[in-house]
Amino acid sequence: MDIYKSTIYNGPNIGIYAKVNDDFIFLPHGFTEEKSKKLSEYLQTDVIVTSVANTSLIGILTVINNHGILLPNTASEDELAMLKKKTDLNVEILDVKHNALGNMMSVNDTGGIVSPSLPKEVLNRISDVLDIELIQKKIAGFHQVGAVMATSTTGGIVHPCLLYTSPSPRDSWASRMPGW
């Protein structure tokens, strides 16, 4: 697979503003139609232009896999309705104190790691919406697990300090993430 180089708002922080799964790329308003088309063709996905909580911070505020989308409690009803209408995914608002959901968990299509900062009472809801198994764990000492790791169905990348804070990168949690 080739690498596609791009920017969003003329900056390098793509993960702050965009999310992707196997079927869709979620982009903020103001992204050029030409760039949207190129990304869509390269990733072989449909483009969904949206906002979350009336911001362009899609990557930070959402959690997305091929089964569902979690939105923060600051998302509007219009945003929720539009994502439900344009996707066949489970789309729900997660009412928790921390609204940067993308920073608080890292998921793929079978498993996920959720920050211990999120209340245990919401784990079943997250699991149901995303149709995955979950564990709560800090990664490399950080509560913001989604900010220090990224996962897919074939593997992932994780903060290098994990090697020093864990007996093995193949801990029991890693065995739940296919490809690890």
C-alpha atoms as a PDB file:
ATOM      1  CA  MET A   1       0.000   0.000   0.000  1.00  0.00           C
ATOM      2  CA  ASP A   2       1.282   3.443  -0.886  1.00  0.00           C
ATOM      3  CA  ILE A   3       1.248   6.379   1.474  1.00  0.00           C
ATOM      4  CA  TYR A   4      -0.985   9.296   0.572  1.00  0.00           C
ATOM      5  CA  LYS A   5       0.406  12.629   1.761  1.00  0.00           C
ATOM      6  CA  SER A   6      -2.043  15.361   2.615  1.00  0.00           C
ATOM      7  CA  THR A   7      -2.785  18.115   5.092  1.00  0.00           C
ATOM      8  CA  ILE A   8      -5.922  19.369   6.736  1.00  0.00           C
ATOM      9  CA  TYR A   9      -6.271  23.123   7.100  1.00  0.00           C
ATOM     10  CA  ASN A  10      -2.680  23.381   5.802  1.00  0.00           C
ATOM     11  CA  GLY A  11      -1.349  21.630   8.893  1.00  0.00           C
ATOM     12  CA  PRO A  12       0.061  18.198   9.746  1.00  0.00           C
ATOM     13  CA  ASN A  13      -2.469  17.247  12.446  1.00  0.00           C
ATOM     14  CA  ILE A  14      -4.634  14.939  10.357  1.00  0.00           C
ATOM     15  CA  GLY A  15      -5.688  12.717  13.270  1.00  0.00           C
ATOM     16  CA  ILE A  16      -7.196  15.670  15.100  1.00  0.00           C
ATOM     17  CA  TYR A  17      -9.613  16.417  12.280  1.00  0.00           C
ATOM     18  CA  ALA A  18     -10.349  13.141  10.459  1.00  0.00           C
ATOM     19  CA  LYS A  19     -11.389   9.538  11.128  1.00  0.00           C
ATOM     20  CA  VAL A  20     -11.641   6.589   8.783  1.00  0.00           C
ATOM     21  CA  ASN A  21     -13.035   3.065   8.773  1.00  0.00           C
ATOM     22  CA  ASP A  22     -13.345   0.573   5.914  1.00  0.00           C
ATOM     23  CA  ASP A  23     -16.354   2.336   4.361  1.00  0.00           C
ATOM     24  CA  PHE A  24     -16.122   6.025   5.220  1.00  0.00           C
ATOM     25  CA  ILE A  25     -13.720   8.880   5.738  1.00  0.00           C
ATOM     26  CA  PHE A  26     -15.143  11.492   8.079  1.00  0.00           C
ATOM     27  CA  LEU A  27     -13.853  14.967   7.250  1.00  0.00           C
ATOM     28  CA  PRO A  28     -14.581  18.403   8.673  1.00  0.00           C
ATOM     29  CA  HIS A  29     -16.371  21.203   6.878  1.00  0.00           C
ATOM     30  CA  GLY A  30     -14.021  23.371   4.861  1.00  0.00           C
ATOM     31  CA  PHE A  31     -12.024  20.463   3.448  1.00  0.00           C
ATOM     32  CA  THR A  32     -11.781  21.003  -0.287  1.00  0.00           C
ATOM     33  CA  GLU A  33     -13.940  18.906  -2.583  1.00  0.00           C
ATOM     34  CA  GLU A  34     -10.889  18.050  -4.706  1.00  0.00           C
ATOM     35  CA  LYS A  35      -8.950  16.713  -1.692  1.00  0.00           C
ATOM     36  CA  SER A  36     -12.040  14.864  -0.448  1.00  0.00           C
ATOM     37  CA  LYS A  37     -12.414  13.143  -3.815  1.00  0.00           C
ATOM     38  CA  LYS A  38      -8.722  12.162  -3.926  1.00  0.00           C
ATOM     39  CA  LEU A  39      -8.855  10.734  -0.403  1.00  0.00           C
ATOM     40  CA  SER A  40     -12.062   8.876  -1.171  1.00  0.00           C
ATOM     41  CA  GLU A  41     -10.546   7.319  -4.280  1.00  0.00           C
ATOM     42  CA  TYR A  42      -7.285   6.415  -2.541  1.00  0.00           C
ATOM     43  CA  LEU A  43      -8.957   4.882   0.522  1.00  0.00           C
ATOM     44  CA  GLN A  44     -11.844   3.454  -1.533  1.00  0.00           C
ATOM     45  CA  THR A  45     -14.361   4.932   0.892  1.00  0.00           C
ATOM     46  CA  ASP A  46     -17.267   7.335   0.812  1.00  0.00           C
ATOM     47  CA  VAL A  47     -16.708  10.818   2.211  1.00  0.00           C
ATOM     48  CA  ILE A  48     -18.880  12.137   5.002  1.00  0.00           C
ATOM     49  CA  VAL A  49     -18.395  15.815   5.764  1.00  0.00           C
ATOM     50  CA  THR A  50     -19.516  16.610   9.279  1.00  0.00           C
ATOM     51  CA  SER A  51     -18.821  18.444  12.469  1.00  0.00           C
ATOM     52  CA  VAL A  52     -18.838  17.068  15.990  1.00  0.00           C
ATOM     53  CA  ALA A  53     -19.946  19.342  18.815  1.00  0.00           C
ATOM     54  CA  ASN A  54     -20.040  22.098  16.181  1.00  0.00           C
ATOM     55  CA  THR A  55     -16.253  21.786  15.775  1.00  0.00           C
ATOM     56  CA  SER A  56     -13.882  20.299  13.218  1.00  0.00           C
ATOM     57  CA  LEU A  57     -12.247  18.063  15.842  1.00  0.00           C
ATOM     58  CA  ILE A  58     -13.679  14.781  14.536  1.00  0.00           C
ATOM     59  CA  GLY A  59     -10.601  12.687  15.328  1.00  0.00           C
ATOM     60  CA  ILE A  60     -10.303  13.760  18.936  1.00  0.00           C
ATOM     61  CA  LEU A  61     -13.994  13.717  19.798  1.00  0.00           C
ATOM     62  CA  THR A  62     -15.134  10.443  18.205  1.00  0.00           C
ATOM     63  CA  VAL A  63     -14.470   6.732  18.345  1.00  0.00           C
ATOM     64  CA  ILE A  64     -15.220   4.846  15.135  1.00  0.00           C
ATOM     65  CA  ASN A  65     -14.896   1.281  13.925  1.00  0.00           C
ATOM     66  CA  ASN A  66     -16.762  -0.734  11.279  1.00  0.00           C
ATOM     67  CA  HIS A  67     -19.651  -1.386  13.679  1.00  0.00           C
ATOM     68  CA  GLY A  68     -20.334   1.946  15.319  1.00  0.00           C
ATOM     69  CA  ILE A  69     -19.609   5.547  16.168  1.00  0.00           C
ATOM     70  CA  LEU A  70     -19.445   7.076  19.629  1.00  0.00           C
ATOM     71  CA  LEU A  71     -20.000  10.815  19.930  1.00  0.00           C
ATOM     72  CA  PRO A  72     -19.394  13.010  22.985  1.00  0.00           C
ATOM     73  CA  ASN A  73     -22.275  14.462  24.960  1.00  0.00           C
ATOM     74  CA  THR A  74     -21.461  17.824  23.381  1.00  0.00           C
ATOM     75  CA  ALA A  75     -22.498  16.555  19.928  1.00  0.00           C
ATOM     76  CA  SER A  76     -25.711  18.023  18.571  1.00  0.00           C
ATOM     77  CA  GLU A  77     -28.867  16.088  17.765  1.00  0.00           C
ATOM     78  CA  ASP A  78     -28.467  17.165  14.119  1.00  0.00           C
ATOM     79  CA  GLU A  79     -24.950  15.664  13.976  1.00  0.00           C
ATOM     80  CA  LEU A  80     -26.219  12.444  15.548  1.00  0.00           C
ATOM     81  CA  ALA A  81     -29.160  12.215  13.128  1.00  0.00           C
ATOM     82  CA  MET A  82     -26.998  12.944  10.066  1.00  0.00           C
ATOM     83  CA  LEU A  83     -24.434  10.238  10.953  1.00  0.00           C
ATOM     84  CA  LYS A  84     -27.205   7.721  11.604  1.00  0.00           C
ATOM     85  CA  LYS A  85     -28.800   8.571   8.249  1.00  0.00           C
ATOM     86  CA  LYS A  86     -25.583   8.466   6.175  1.00  0.00           C
ATOM     87  CA  THR A  87     -24.101   5.303   7.692  1.00  0.00           C
ATOM     88  CA  ASP A  88     -25.458   1.884   8.582  1.00  0.00           C
ATOM     89  CA  LEU A  89     -23.490   2.039  11.824  1.00  0.00           C
ATOM     90  CA  ASN A  90     -24.648   2.108  15.425  1.00  0.00           C
ATOM     91  CA  VAL A  91     -24.302   5.797  16.332  1.00  0.00           C
ATOM     92  CA  GLU A  92     -24.743   6.933  19.905  1.00  0.00           C
ATOM     93  CA  ILE A  93     -23.817   9.720  22.260  1.00  0.00           C
ATOM     94  CA  LEU A  94     -21.731   8.667  25.261  1.00  0.00           C
ATOM     95  CA  ASP A  95     -22.551  10.825  28.252  1.00  0.00           C
ATOM     96  CA  VAL A  96     -19.289  10.972  30.209  1.00  0.00           C
ATOM     97  CA  LYS A  97     -17.192  13.709  31.797  1.00  0.00           C
ATOM     98  CA  HIS A  98     -14.380  13.430  29.236  1.00  0.00           C
ATOM     99  CA  ASN A  99     -15.605  14.518  25.810  1.00  0.00           C
ATOM    100  CA  ALA A 100     -12.388  13.804  23.847  1.00  0.00           C
ATOM    101  CA  LEU A 101     -13.488  10.203  23.356  1.00  0.00           C
ATOM    102  CA  GLY A 102     -10.888   9.571  20.645  1.00  0.00           C
ATOM    103  CA  ASN A 103      -8.183  10.274  23.210  1.00  0.00           C
ATOM    104  CA  MET A 104      -9.805   8.056  25.834  1.00  0.00           C
ATOM    105  CA  MET A 105      -9.953   4.763  23.925  1.00  0.00           C
ATOM    106  CA  SER A 106      -8.335   2.854  21.099  1.00  0.00           C
ATOM    107  CA  VAL A 107     -10.438   0.286  19.266  1.00  0.00           C
ATOM    108  CA  ASN A 108     -10.538  -1.978  16.261  1.00  0.00           C
ATOM    109  CA  ASP A 109     -13.354  -4.264  15.095  1.00  0.00           C
ATOM    110  CA  THR A 110     -12.898  -6.926  17.784  1.00  0.00           C
ATOM    111  CA  GLY A 111     -11.430  -5.257  20.839  1.00  0.00           C
ATOM    112  CA  GLY A 112     -10.519  -2.063  22.535  1.00  0.00           C
ATOM    113  CA  ILE A 113      -8.665  -0.456  25.388  1.00  0.00           C
ATOM    114  CA  VAL A 114     -10.529   2.158  27.386  1.00  0.00           C
ATOM    115  CA  SER A 115      -9.056   4.670  29.791  1.00  0.00           C
ATOM    116  CA  PRO A 116      -9.535   3.927  33.471  1.00  0.00           C
ATOM    117  CA  SER A 117     -10.730   7.547  33.712  1.00  0.00           C
ATOM    118  CA  LEU A 118     -14.033   6.502  32.138  1.00  0.00           C
ATOM    119  CA  PRO A 119     -16.591   5.080  34.565  1.00  0.00           C
ATOM    120  CA  LYS A 120     -16.997   1.291  34.530  1.00  0.00           C
ATOM    121  CA  GLU A 121     -20.756   1.775  34.104  1.00  0.00           C
ATOM    122  CA  VAL A 122     -20.285   2.887  30.463  1.00  0.00           C
ATOM    123  CA  LEU A 123     -18.176  -0.093  29.360  1.00  0.00           C
ATOM    124  CA  ASN A 124     -21.183  -2.227  28.388  1.00  0.00           C
ATOM    125  CA  ARG A 125     -22.627   0.614  26.331  1.00  0.00           C
ATOM    126  CA  ILE A 126     -19.326   1.182  24.511  1.00  0.00           C
ATOM    127  CA  SER A 127     -19.019  -2.551  23.908  1.00  0.00           C
ATOM    128  CA  ASP A 128     -22.583  -2.772  22.563  1.00  0.00           C
ATOM    129  CA  VAL A 129     -22.297   0.208  20.195  1.00  0.00           C
ATOM    130  CA  LEU A 130     -18.928  -0.845  18.776  1.00  0.00           C
ATOM    131  CA  ASP A 131     -19.627  -4.606  19.031  1.00  0.00           C
ATOM    132  CA  ILE A 132     -16.264  -5.333  20.675  1.00  0.00           C
ATOM    133  CA  GLU A 133     -14.674  -6.680  23.854  1.00  0.00           C
ATOM    134  CA  LEU A 134     -13.091  -4.060  26.110  1.00  0.00           C
ATOM    135  CA  ILE A 135     -10.556  -3.774  28.856  1.00  0.00           C
ATOM    136  CA  GLN A 136      -9.724  -0.754  30.971  1.00  0.00           C
ATOM    137  CA  LYS A 137      -6.024  -0.056  31.247  1.00  0.00           C
ATOM    138  CA  LYS A 138      -3.500   2.764  31.191  1.00  0.00           C
ATOM    139  CA  ILE A 139      -0.938   2.512  28.407  1.00  0.00           C
ATOM    140  CA  ALA A 140       2.656   3.465  29.248  1.00  0.00           C
ATOM    141  CA  GLY A 141       1.273   5.175  32.357  1.00  0.00           C
ATOM    142  CA  PHE A 142      -1.142   7.376  30.392  1.00  0.00           C
ATOM    143  CA  HIS A 143      -4.907   7.545  30.892  1.00  0.00           C
ATOM    144  CA  GLN A 144      -5.384   8.943  27.365  1.00  0.00           C
ATOM    145  CA  VAL A 145      -4.917   5.563  25.683  1.00  0.00           C
ATOM    146  CA  GLY A 146      -6.261   6.751  22.326  1.00  0.00           C
ATOM    147  CA  ALA A 147      -3.624   9.473  22.238  1.00  0.00           C
ATOM    148  CA  VAL A 148      -0.700   7.079  22.793  1.00  0.00           C
ATOM    149  CA  MET A 149      -1.762   4.208  20.552  1.00  0.00           C
ATOM    150  CA  ALA A 150      -3.631   3.426  17.362  1.00  0.00           C
ATOM    151  CA  THR A 151      -5.018   0.043  16.362  1.00  0.00           C
ATOM    152  CA  SER A 152      -6.496  -1.677  13.353  1.00  0.00           C
ATOM    153  CA  THR A 153      -7.545  -5.241  12.652  1.00  0.00           C
ATOM    154  CA  THR A 154      -4.022  -6.085  11.483  1.00  0.00           C
ATOM    155  CA  GLY A 155      -1.916  -4.450  14.191  1.00  0.00           C
ATOM    156  CA  GLY A 156      -1.149  -1.180  15.817  1.00  0.00           C
ATOM    157  CA  ILE A 157       1.351   1.331  17.068  1.00  0.00           C
ATOM    158  CA  VAL A 158       1.913   2.145  20.684  1.00  0.00           C
ATOM    159  CA  HIS A 159       3.934   4.585  22.778  1.00  0.00           C
ATOM    160  CA  PRO A 160       7.522   3.311  23.142  1.00  0.00           C
ATOM    161  CA  CYS A 161       7.397   3.539  26.946  1.00  0.00           C
ATOM    162  CA  LEU A 162       5.017   0.578  26.932  1.00  0.00           C
ATOM    163  CA  LEU A 163       8.134  -1.573  26.705  1.00  0.00           C
ATOM    164  CA  TYR A 164       9.276  -0.192  30.064  1.00  0.00           C
ATOM    165  CA  THR A 165       5.970  -0.248  31.916  1.00  0.00           C
ATOM    166  CA  SER A 166       4.764  -3.691  30.974  1.00  0.00           C
ATOM    167  CA  PRO A 167       6.411  -7.106  31.144  1.00  0.00           C
ATOM    168  CA  SER A 168       5.763  -7.714  27.458  1.00  0.00           C
ATOM    169  CA  PRO A 169       4.185  -5.854  24.556  1.00  0.00           C
ATOM    170  CA  ARG A 170       2.145  -9.041  24.090  1.00  0.00           C
ATOM    171  CA  ASP A 171       0.279  -8.691  27.384  1.00  0.00           C
ATOM    172  CA  SER A 172      -3.117 -10.332  27.662  1.00  0.00           C
ATOM    173  CA  TRP A 173      -4.705  -7.097  26.424  1.00  0.00           C
ATOM    174  CA  ALA A 174      -2.590  -7.204  23.284  1.00  0.00           C
ATOM    175  CA  SER A 175      -3.732 -10.718  22.524  1.00  0.00           C
ATOM    176  CA  ARG A 176      -7.274  -9.334  22.190  1.00  0.00           C
ATOM    177  CA  MET A 177      -6.162  -7.049  19.387  1.00  0.00           C
ATOM    178  CA  PRO A 178      -5.911  -9.155  16.194  1.00  0.00           C
ATOM    179  CA  GLY A 179      -2.548  -8.964  14.493  1.00  0.00           C
ATOM    180  CA  TRP A 180      -0.593  -8.285  17.698  1.00  0.00           C
END
